[in-house]
Amino acid sequence: MLEKDIYINVYPNESENPKAPTYSWNNFVFKNDVVIKAGTEVDITFWGNSISKEGKPNPHMKISNPNKPKGSTQGGGQKAFDNAPSYANNKPFRNQF
């Protein structure tokens, strides 16, 4: 379980290259440690069309505890990373998504 939600803002990437990412935040520096332990079930959402209170585009990714209504037996989403330690050792973190 996460102590609190994690928000990652991203910015449109102006590029002529069709293989370039559409959003990025280059040279980002973390100001706090971010630790998500293996086996932690989370919801990951991308709000690409989010608008700030000032009316400006505010695309961001949110990592939060799973949204499970009380009494729900609904399982989590994709379980492709059940063997997370061996997968993580073979692929860079950014390629896991």
N, C-alpha and C. Protein backbone atom coordinates (compact mmCIF):
# COMPACT_ATOMS: atom_id res chain seq x y z
N MET A 1 0.85 -1.18 0.00
CA MET A 1 0.00 0.00 0.00
C MET A 1 0.89 1.25 0.00
N LEU A 2 0.53 2.20 -0.81
CA LEU A 2 1.27 3.47 -0.86
C LEU A 2 0.84 4.37 0.29
N GLU A 3 1.79 5.12 0.83
CA GLU A 3 1.45 6.09 1.88
C GLU A 3 0.60 7.22 1.32
N LYS A 4 0.92 7.68 0.12
CA LYS A 4 0.13 8.71 -0.55
C LYS A 4 0.30 8.57 -2.04
N ASP A 5 -0.60 9.17 -2.80
CA ASP A 5 -0.55 9.11 -4.25
C ASP A 5 0.72 9.78 -4.78
N ILE A 6 1.19 9.29 -5.92
CA ILE A 6 2.36 9.85 -6.59
C ILE A 6 1.89 10.47 -7.90
N TYR A 7 2.19 11.74 -8.10
CA TYR A 7 1.82 12.44 -9.33
C TYR A 7 3.10 12.79 -10.08
N ILE A 8 3.11 12.52 -11.38
CA ILE A 8 4.25 12.87 -12.22
C ILE A 8 3.73 13.72 -13.37
N ASN A 9 4.08 14.99 -13.38
CA ASN A 9 3.68 15.88 -14.46
C ASN A 9 4.55 15.62 -15.68
N VAL A 10 3.96 15.79 -16.85
CA VAL A 10 4.70 15.66 -18.10
C VAL A 10 4.36 16.84 -18.99
N TYR A 11 5.20 17.08 -19.98
CA TYR A 11 5.02 18.23 -20.86
C TYR A 11 5.06 17.80 -22.31
N PRO A 12 4.26 18.44 -23.18
CA PRO A 12 4.26 18.06 -24.60
C PRO A 12 5.66 18.17 -25.19
N ASN A 13 6.01 17.18 -25.98
CA ASN A 13 7.31 17.15 -26.62
C ASN A 13 7.13 17.58 -28.08
N GLU A 14 7.59 18.76 -28.41
CA GLU A 14 7.50 19.27 -29.78
C GLU A 14 8.62 18.65 -30.60
N SER A 15 8.26 17.72 -31.49
CA SER A 15 9.28 17.05 -32.29
C SER A 15 8.70 16.63 -33.63
N GLU A 16 9.53 16.69 -34.65
CA GLU A 16 9.15 16.23 -35.98
C GLU A 16 9.31 14.71 -36.08
N ASN A 17 10.05 14.11 -35.16
CA ASN A 17 10.34 12.69 -35.18
C ASN A 17 9.10 11.90 -34.74
N PRO A 18 8.55 11.02 -35.61
CA PRO A 18 7.35 10.26 -35.24
C PRO A 18 7.61 9.22 -34.15
N LYS A 19 8.89 8.91 -33.88
CA LYS A 19 9.22 7.93 -32.84
C LYS A 19 9.52 8.61 -31.50
N ALA A 20 9.49 9.92 -31.46
CA ALA A 20 9.77 10.65 -30.22
C ALA A 20 8.58 10.52 -29.27
N PRO A 21 8.83 10.57 -27.96
CA PRO A 21 7.70 10.53 -27.02
C PRO A 21 6.82 11.77 -27.19
N THR A 22 5.52 11.59 -26.98
CA THR A 22 4.61 12.73 -27.11
C THR A 22 4.67 13.64 -25.90
N TYR A 23 5.03 13.09 -24.73
CA TYR A 23 5.18 13.86 -23.50
C TYR A 23 6.46 13.44 -22.80
N SER A 24 7.09 14.37 -22.11
CA SER A 24 8.31 14.05 -21.37
C SER A 24 8.57 15.12 -20.32
N TRP A 25 9.55 14.86 -19.46
CA TRP A 25 10.09 15.85 -18.53
C TRP A 25 11.55 15.50 -18.38
N ASN A 26 12.38 16.14 -19.19
CA ASN A 26 13.81 15.84 -19.20
C ASN A 26 14.52 16.49 -18.03
N ASN A 27 15.58 15.83 -17.59
CA ASN A 27 16.44 16.31 -16.49
C ASN A 27 15.67 16.54 -15.20
N PHE A 28 14.65 15.74 -14.96
CA PHE A 28 13.87 15.82 -13.72
C PHE A 28 14.74 15.38 -12.54
N VAL A 29 14.63 16.07 -11.42
CA VAL A 29 15.37 15.72 -10.21
C VAL A 29 14.37 15.42 -9.10
N PHE A 30 14.42 14.20 -8.55
CA PHE A 30 13.56 13.85 -7.43
C PHE A 30 14.00 14.61 -6.19
N LYS A 31 13.05 15.17 -5.47
CA LYS A 31 13.34 15.89 -4.23
C LYS A 31 13.11 15.02 -3.01
N ASN A 32 12.45 13.88 -3.20
CA ASN A 32 12.19 12.91 -2.15
C ASN A 32 12.39 11.51 -2.70
N ASP A 33 12.67 10.56 -1.82
CA ASP A 33 12.76 9.17 -2.24
C ASP A 33 11.37 8.68 -2.62
N VAL A 34 11.31 7.88 -3.67
CA VAL A 34 10.07 7.25 -4.10
C VAL A 34 10.33 5.75 -4.10
N VAL A 35 9.64 5.03 -3.22
CA VAL A 35 9.84 3.58 -3.11
C VAL A 35 8.50 2.89 -3.25
N ILE A 36 8.42 2.01 -4.23
CA ILE A 36 7.25 1.16 -4.38
C ILE A 36 7.78 -0.26 -4.32
N LYS A 37 7.47 -0.97 -3.24
CA LYS A 37 8.00 -2.31 -3.03
C LYS A 37 7.40 -3.31 -4.02
N ALA A 38 8.21 -4.27 -4.43
CA ALA A 38 7.75 -5.32 -5.32
C ALA A 38 6.52 -5.99 -4.72
N GLY A 39 5.55 -6.26 -5.56
CA GLY A 39 4.32 -6.90 -5.10
C GLY A 39 3.24 -5.92 -4.68
N THR A 40 3.55 -4.62 -4.67
CA THR A 40 2.55 -3.61 -4.31
C THR A 40 1.57 -3.44 -5.46
N GLU A 41 0.29 -3.62 -5.17
CA GLU A 41 -0.73 -3.44 -6.20
C GLU A 41 -1.13 -1.97 -6.24
N VAL A 42 -1.08 -1.37 -7.42
CA VAL A 42 -1.41 0.04 -7.59
C VAL A 42 -2.29 0.24 -8.82
N ASP A 43 -2.92 1.38 -8.90
CA ASP A 43 -3.59 1.84 -10.11
C ASP A 43 -2.70 2.89 -10.75
N ILE A 44 -2.49 2.81 -12.06
CA ILE A 44 -1.71 3.81 -12.79
C ILE A 44 -2.64 4.43 -13.82
N THR A 45 -2.80 5.74 -13.71
CA THR A 45 -3.67 6.45 -14.65
C THR A 45 -2.90 7.59 -15.30
N PHE A 46 -3.18 7.83 -16.57
CA PHE A 46 -2.56 8.95 -17.29
C PHE A 46 -3.66 9.92 -17.69
N TRP A 47 -3.54 11.14 -17.24
CA TRP A 47 -4.51 12.19 -17.52
C TRP A 47 -3.92 13.11 -18.57
N GLY A 48 -3.96 12.70 -19.83
CA GLY A 48 -3.38 13.46 -20.92
C GLY A 48 -4.16 14.70 -21.30
N ASN A 49 -5.45 14.73 -20.95
CA ASN A 49 -6.29 15.88 -21.32
C ASN A 49 -6.66 16.73 -20.11
N SER A 50 -5.93 16.60 -19.01
CA SER A 50 -6.20 17.36 -17.80
C SER A 50 -5.93 18.85 -18.01
N ILE A 51 -6.77 19.68 -17.41
CA ILE A 51 -6.64 21.14 -17.49
C ILE A 51 -6.51 21.69 -16.07
N SER A 52 -5.55 22.60 -15.86
CA SER A 52 -5.34 23.20 -14.54
C SER A 52 -6.46 24.20 -14.23
N LYS A 53 -6.49 24.66 -12.98
CA LYS A 53 -7.48 25.67 -12.58
C LYS A 53 -7.33 26.96 -13.38
N GLU A 54 -6.12 27.19 -13.88
CA GLU A 54 -5.86 28.39 -14.68
C GLU A 54 -6.23 28.18 -16.16
N GLY A 55 -6.72 26.99 -16.50
CA GLY A 55 -7.12 26.71 -17.87
C GLY A 55 -5.99 26.24 -18.78
N LYS A 56 -4.84 25.91 -18.20
CA LYS A 56 -3.69 25.45 -18.99
C LYS A 56 -3.64 23.92 -19.00
N PRO A 57 -3.10 23.33 -20.07
CA PRO A 57 -2.95 21.88 -20.10
C PRO A 57 -2.09 21.40 -18.92
N ASN A 58 -2.51 20.31 -18.29
CA ASN A 58 -1.81 19.77 -17.13
C ASN A 58 -1.75 18.25 -17.20
N PRO A 59 -1.14 17.68 -18.27
CA PRO A 59 -1.09 16.22 -18.36
C PRO A 59 -0.21 15.65 -17.24
N HIS A 60 -0.64 14.55 -16.65
CA HIS A 60 0.13 13.93 -15.58
C HIS A 60 -0.24 12.46 -15.43
N MET A 61 0.67 11.71 -14.81
CA MET A 61 0.44 10.32 -14.48
C MET A 61 0.24 10.24 -12.98
N LYS A 62 -0.71 9.42 -12.55
CA LYS A 62 -0.99 9.25 -11.14
C LYS A 62 -0.82 7.78 -10.78
N ILE A 63 -0.06 7.50 -9.72
CA ILE A 63 0.10 6.16 -9.18
C ILE A 63 -0.56 6.18 -7.81
N SER A 64 -1.57 5.34 -7.64
CA SER A 64 -2.34 5.37 -6.39
C SER A 64 -2.67 3.96 -5.94
N ASN A 65 -3.15 3.86 -4.70
CA ASN A 65 -3.63 2.58 -4.21
C ASN A 65 -4.83 2.16 -5.05
N PRO A 66 -5.04 0.85 -5.21
CA PRO A 66 -6.15 0.38 -6.06
C PRO A 66 -7.50 0.89 -5.58
N ASN A 67 -8.35 1.21 -6.54
CA ASN A 67 -9.71 1.64 -6.25
C ASN A 67 -10.56 0.38 -6.16
N LYS A 68 -10.82 -0.07 -4.95
CA LYS A 68 -11.62 -1.28 -4.75
C LYS A 68 -12.82 -0.91 -3.89
N PRO A 69 -14.00 -0.86 -4.50
CA PRO A 69 -15.20 -0.57 -3.70
C PRO A 69 -15.37 -1.59 -2.59
N LYS A 70 -15.91 -1.16 -1.46
CA LYS A 70 -16.12 -2.07 -0.33
C LYS A 70 -16.94 -3.26 -0.77
N GLY A 71 -16.52 -4.44 -0.38
CA GLY A 71 -17.23 -5.66 -0.72
C GLY A 71 -16.89 -6.19 -2.09
N SER A 72 -16.04 -5.50 -2.82
CA SER A 72 -15.70 -5.93 -4.18
C SER A 72 -14.70 -7.07 -4.13
N THR A 73 -14.91 -8.07 -4.96
CA THR A 73 -13.94 -9.15 -5.10
C THR A 73 -13.18 -9.01 -6.41
N GLN A 74 -13.34 -7.85 -7.02
CA GLN A 74 -12.69 -7.59 -8.31
C GLN A 74 -11.19 -7.72 -8.15
N GLY A 75 -10.58 -8.49 -9.02
CA GLY A 75 -9.13 -8.64 -8.99
C GLY A 75 -8.46 -7.42 -9.57
N GLY A 76 -7.16 -7.37 -9.45
CA GLY A 76 -6.41 -6.26 -10.01
C GLY A 76 -6.38 -6.34 -11.52
N GLY A 77 -5.68 -5.42 -12.11
CA GLY A 77 -5.58 -5.37 -13.56
C GLY A 77 -4.59 -6.38 -14.08
N GLN A 78 -3.73 -5.95 -14.96
CA GLN A 78 -2.76 -6.81 -15.61
C GLN A 78 -1.85 -7.45 -14.57
N LYS A 79 -1.62 -8.74 -14.71
CA LYS A 79 -0.75 -9.47 -13.79
C LYS A 79 0.52 -9.93 -14.50
N ALA A 80 0.97 -9.18 -15.47
CA ALA A 80 2.13 -9.57 -16.27
C ALA A 80 3.42 -9.57 -15.47
N PHE A 81 3.46 -8.94 -14.32
CA PHE A 81 4.70 -8.81 -13.57
C PHE A 81 4.67 -9.64 -12.30
N ASP A 82 3.98 -10.80 -12.32
CA ASP A 82 3.95 -11.67 -11.15
C ASP A 82 5.36 -12.12 -10.76
N ASN A 83 6.25 -12.21 -11.72
CA ASN A 83 7.63 -12.59 -11.45
C ASN A 83 8.51 -11.35 -11.55
N ALA A 84 8.14 -10.32 -10.79
CA ALA A 84 8.78 -9.00 -10.91
C ALA A 84 10.30 -9.02 -10.74
N PRO A 85 10.86 -9.72 -9.74
CA PRO A 85 12.32 -9.62 -9.58
C PRO A 85 13.09 -10.07 -10.81
N SER A 86 12.72 -11.19 -11.44
CA SER A 86 13.48 -11.63 -12.61
C SER A 86 13.22 -10.71 -13.80
N TYR A 87 11.99 -10.21 -13.94
CA TYR A 87 11.69 -9.29 -15.03
C TYR A 87 12.47 -8.00 -14.86
N ALA A 88 12.48 -7.46 -13.64
CA ALA A 88 13.15 -6.19 -13.38
C ALA A 88 14.65 -6.29 -13.65
N ASN A 89 15.22 -7.47 -13.47
CA ASN A 89 16.66 -7.63 -13.71
C ASN A 89 17.00 -7.68 -15.19
N ASN A 90 16.01 -7.91 -16.03
CA ASN A 90 16.26 -8.04 -17.46
C ASN A 90 15.89 -6.81 -18.27
N LYS A 91 15.09 -5.92 -17.74
CA LYS A 91 14.60 -4.78 -18.49
C LYS A 91 14.77 -3.50 -17.68
N PRO A 92 15.10 -2.40 -18.33
CA PRO A 92 15.12 -1.12 -17.62
C PRO A 92 13.72 -0.77 -17.11
N PHE A 93 13.65 -0.04 -16.01
CA PHE A 93 12.37 0.31 -15.38
C PHE A 93 11.41 0.94 -16.39
N ARG A 94 11.88 1.86 -17.21
CA ARG A 94 10.99 2.58 -18.11
C ARG A 94 10.33 1.67 -19.13
N ASN A 95 10.92 0.50 -19.42
CA ASN A 95 10.34 -0.41 -20.40
C ASN A 95 9.30 -1.34 -19.79
N GLN A 96 9.06 -1.25 -18.50
CA GLN A 96 8.10 -2.14 -17.87
C GLN A 96 6.68 -1.69 -18.11
N PHE A 97 6.47 -0.48 -18.63
CA PHE A 97 5.11 0.01 -18.82
C PHE A 97 4.69 -0.20 -20.23
